[in-house]
Amino acid sequence: MQLHIGGYLSFYMPGKQTRFDLGLEKPTPLKEILQCLDVPLGEVQLVIHNQSIVNLQDAVIRDQDMVKIYSSVDGG
């Protein structure tokens, strides 16, 4: 799977990476994947799975999928 991490969520990633390629052996709930990467689920506001907006709690990801996650928009 390809995972793009947008907004300030990249601060939780090693080296503040914004893109990961992960191999999945079986369909896996996105929330499990993000928990393994130490992304705080409460900070995820938008999930795009294969070009469709989906609910984080319901998203099940397969090896060839593209996923983009974003935090809420904030600024000053």
N, C-alpha and C. Protein backbone atom coordinates (compact mmCIF):
# COMPACT_ATOMS: atom_id res chain seq x y z
N MET A 1 0.83 -1.17 0.00
CA MET A 1 0.00 0.00 0.00
C MET A 1 0.87 1.24 0.00
N GLN A 2 0.34 2.29 -0.55
CA GLN A 2 1.00 3.59 -0.47
C GLN A 2 0.25 4.43 0.53
N LEU A 3 0.97 5.01 1.47
CA LEU A 3 0.38 5.85 2.49
C LEU A 3 0.99 7.23 2.43
N HIS A 4 0.16 8.24 2.23
CA HIS A 4 0.59 9.63 2.25
C HIS A 4 0.07 10.25 3.53
N ILE A 5 0.95 10.92 4.27
CA ILE A 5 0.58 11.53 5.53
C ILE A 5 0.68 13.03 5.38
N GLY A 6 -0.46 13.71 5.49
CA GLY A 6 -0.50 15.15 5.29
C GLY A 6 -0.71 15.92 6.58
N GLY A 7 -0.57 17.23 6.47
CA GLY A 7 -0.73 18.09 7.62
C GLY A 7 0.37 17.85 8.63
N TYR A 8 0.10 18.17 9.86
CA TYR A 8 1.14 18.02 10.89
C TYR A 8 1.33 16.57 11.33
N LEU A 9 0.55 15.62 10.80
CA LEU A 9 0.71 14.22 11.19
C LEU A 9 2.10 13.69 10.85
N SER A 10 2.75 14.29 9.88
CA SER A 10 4.11 13.84 9.52
C SER A 10 5.09 14.04 10.67
N PHE A 11 4.77 14.91 11.62
CA PHE A 11 5.66 15.12 12.77
C PHE A 11 5.77 13.86 13.63
N TYR A 12 4.82 12.97 13.52
CA TYR A 12 4.87 11.72 14.28
C TYR A 12 5.70 10.65 13.58
N MET A 13 6.09 10.89 12.34
CA MET A 13 6.81 9.89 11.55
C MET A 13 8.31 10.04 11.70
N PRO A 14 9.03 8.93 11.61
CA PRO A 14 10.50 9.01 11.64
C PRO A 14 10.99 9.91 10.51
N GLY A 15 11.81 10.87 10.84
CA GLY A 15 12.34 11.78 9.82
C GLY A 15 11.28 12.67 9.21
N LYS A 16 10.11 12.75 9.85
CA LYS A 16 8.98 13.55 9.36
C LYS A 16 8.60 13.19 7.92
N GLN A 17 8.72 11.90 7.60
CA GLN A 17 8.36 11.42 6.26
C GLN A 17 6.88 11.65 6.00
N THR A 18 6.55 11.89 4.75
CA THR A 18 5.15 12.08 4.37
C THR A 18 4.63 10.96 3.48
N ARG A 19 5.49 10.04 3.07
CA ARG A 19 5.05 8.96 2.18
C ARG A 19 5.72 7.66 2.58
N PHE A 20 4.92 6.61 2.62
CA PHE A 20 5.41 5.28 2.96
C PHE A 20 4.86 4.26 1.97
N ASP A 21 5.65 3.28 1.64
CA ASP A 21 5.20 2.11 0.90
C ASP A 21 5.27 0.94 1.88
N LEU A 22 4.12 0.35 2.15
CA LEU A 22 4.04 -0.74 3.11
C LEU A 22 3.46 -1.97 2.44
N GLY A 23 4.04 -3.12 2.70
CA GLY A 23 3.50 -4.37 2.18
C GLY A 23 2.52 -4.98 3.17
N LEU A 24 1.38 -5.39 2.69
CA LEU A 24 0.37 -6.02 3.54
C LEU A 24 0.14 -7.44 3.05
N GLU A 25 0.15 -8.39 3.96
CA GLU A 25 -0.09 -9.78 3.60
C GLU A 25 -1.57 -10.09 3.46
N LYS A 26 -2.41 -9.33 4.15
CA LYS A 26 -3.86 -9.56 4.11
C LYS A 26 -4.56 -8.23 4.31
N PRO A 27 -5.84 -8.14 3.96
CA PRO A 27 -6.58 -6.90 4.23
C PRO A 27 -6.50 -6.55 5.72
N THR A 28 -6.21 -5.28 6.00
CA THR A 28 -5.96 -4.84 7.37
C THR A 28 -6.71 -3.54 7.64
N PRO A 29 -7.37 -3.43 8.78
CA PRO A 29 -8.01 -2.17 9.12
C PRO A 29 -6.98 -1.03 9.18
N LEU A 30 -7.32 0.09 8.59
CA LEU A 30 -6.41 1.23 8.57
C LEU A 30 -6.04 1.67 9.97
N LYS A 31 -6.98 1.64 10.88
CA LYS A 31 -6.66 2.09 12.23
C LYS A 31 -5.57 1.23 12.86
N GLU A 32 -5.50 -0.06 12.54
CA GLU A 32 -4.42 -0.93 13.04
C GLU A 32 -3.08 -0.52 12.44
N ILE A 33 -3.08 -0.20 11.15
CA ILE A 33 -1.84 0.23 10.49
C ILE A 33 -1.32 1.51 11.12
N LEU A 34 -2.21 2.47 11.33
CA LEU A 34 -1.81 3.75 11.90
C LEU A 34 -1.34 3.59 13.34
N GLN A 35 -1.97 2.71 14.10
CA GLN A 35 -1.54 2.47 15.47
C GLN A 35 -0.13 1.90 15.49
N CYS A 36 0.20 1.01 14.55
CA CYS A 36 1.55 0.44 14.46
C CYS A 36 2.58 1.51 14.13
N LEU A 37 2.15 2.56 13.41
CA LEU A 37 3.04 3.67 13.06
C LEU A 37 3.03 4.77 14.12
N ASP A 38 2.31 4.56 15.21
CA ASP A 38 2.18 5.53 16.31
C ASP A 38 1.53 6.84 15.88
N VAL A 39 0.63 6.78 14.92
CA VAL A 39 -0.15 7.96 14.54
C VAL A 39 -1.35 8.02 15.49
N PRO A 40 -1.54 9.13 16.20
CA PRO A 40 -2.69 9.23 17.09
C PRO A 40 -3.99 9.31 16.29
N LEU A 41 -4.84 8.32 16.44
CA LEU A 41 -6.06 8.22 15.64
C LEU A 41 -6.98 9.43 15.82
N GLY A 42 -6.98 10.02 16.99
CA GLY A 42 -7.81 11.17 17.24
C GLY A 42 -7.40 12.41 16.45
N GLU A 43 -6.20 12.39 15.92
CA GLU A 43 -5.69 13.51 15.14
C GLU A 43 -6.03 13.40 13.65
N VAL A 44 -6.47 12.22 13.22
CA VAL A 44 -6.79 12.00 11.81
C VAL A 44 -8.20 12.52 11.54
N GLN A 45 -8.32 13.49 10.65
CA GLN A 45 -9.62 14.10 10.36
C GLN A 45 -10.16 13.72 8.98
N LEU A 46 -9.29 13.35 8.06
CA LEU A 46 -9.72 13.03 6.69
C LEU A 46 -8.93 11.83 6.19
N VAL A 47 -9.65 10.85 5.64
CA VAL A 47 -9.03 9.66 5.05
C VAL A 47 -9.53 9.52 3.62
N ILE A 48 -8.60 9.42 2.69
CA ILE A 48 -8.94 9.18 1.29
C ILE A 48 -8.35 7.83 0.92
N HIS A 49 -9.23 6.90 0.55
CA HIS A 49 -8.84 5.53 0.23
C HIS A 49 -9.18 5.30 -1.24
N ASN A 50 -8.14 5.13 -2.04
CA ASN A 50 -8.34 4.93 -3.49
C ASN A 50 -9.26 6.01 -4.08
N GLN A 51 -8.97 7.25 -3.75
CA GLN A 51 -9.64 8.44 -4.29
C GLN A 51 -11.06 8.65 -3.77
N SER A 52 -11.45 7.97 -2.72
CA SER A 52 -12.77 8.17 -2.10
C SER A 52 -12.59 8.51 -0.63
N ILE A 53 -13.37 9.47 -0.14
CA ILE A 53 -13.35 9.80 1.28
C ILE A 53 -14.05 8.68 2.04
N VAL A 54 -13.39 8.18 3.07
CA VAL A 54 -13.94 7.08 3.87
C VAL A 54 -13.81 7.40 5.35
N ASN A 55 -14.50 6.63 6.16
CA ASN A 55 -14.43 6.74 7.60
C ASN A 55 -13.23 5.93 8.10
N LEU A 56 -12.41 6.53 8.94
CA LEU A 56 -11.23 5.85 9.48
C LEU A 56 -11.61 4.54 10.15
N GLN A 57 -12.70 4.51 10.89
CA GLN A 57 -13.09 3.32 11.64
C GLN A 57 -13.49 2.16 10.74
N ASP A 58 -13.92 2.46 9.51
CA ASP A 58 -14.42 1.42 8.61
C ASP A 58 -13.43 0.99 7.53
N ALA A 59 -12.37 1.74 7.34
CA ALA A 59 -11.45 1.51 6.21
C ALA A 59 -10.63 0.22 6.41
N VAL A 60 -10.71 -0.65 5.42
CA VAL A 60 -9.90 -1.88 5.39
C VAL A 60 -9.01 -1.77 4.15
N ILE A 61 -7.72 -1.92 4.35
CA ILE A 61 -6.74 -1.65 3.32
C ILE A 61 -6.13 -2.94 2.79
N ARG A 62 -5.94 -2.97 1.48
CA ARG A 62 -5.28 -4.11 0.81
C ARG A 62 -3.93 -3.65 0.28
N ASP A 63 -3.11 -4.58 -0.10
CA ASP A 63 -1.72 -4.29 -0.46
C ASP A 63 -1.56 -3.26 -1.57
N GLN A 64 -2.41 -3.24 -2.56
CA GLN A 64 -2.23 -2.34 -3.71
C GLN A 64 -2.96 -1.01 -3.56
N ASP A 65 -3.54 -0.73 -2.40
CA ASP A 65 -4.34 0.47 -2.20
C ASP A 65 -3.47 1.72 -1.99
N MET A 66 -4.09 2.88 -2.27
CA MET A 66 -3.50 4.18 -1.98
C MET A 66 -4.34 4.84 -0.89
N VAL A 67 -3.68 5.33 0.14
CA VAL A 67 -4.37 5.96 1.25
C VAL A 67 -3.68 7.29 1.56
N LYS A 68 -4.50 8.31 1.77
CA LYS A 68 -4.00 9.61 2.21
C LYS A 68 -4.73 9.97 3.49
N ILE A 69 -3.97 10.39 4.49
CA ILE A 69 -4.59 10.83 5.74
C ILE A 69 -4.15 12.26 6.02
N TYR A 70 -5.06 13.02 6.62
CA TYR A 70 -4.78 14.42 6.92
C TYR A 70 -5.28 14.76 8.31
N SER A 71 -4.58 15.67 8.94
CA SER A 71 -5.02 16.23 10.21
C SER A 71 -6.01 17.34 9.92
N SER A 72 -6.60 17.89 10.98
CA SER A 72 -7.48 19.04 10.77
C SER A 72 -6.63 20.23 10.32
N VAL A 73 -7.28 21.17 9.70
CA VAL A 73 -6.60 22.38 9.24
C VAL A 73 -6.55 23.33 10.42
N ASP A 74 -5.35 23.84 10.68
CA ASP A 74 -5.24 24.83 11.73
C ASP A 74 -4.15 25.82 11.35
N GLY A 75 -4.17 26.89 11.98
CA GLY A 75 -3.18 27.92 11.67
C GLY A 75 -3.37 29.12 12.57
N GLY A 76 -2.65 30.17 12.26
CA GLY A 76 -2.75 31.33 13.12
C GLY A 76 -2.84 32.60 12.36
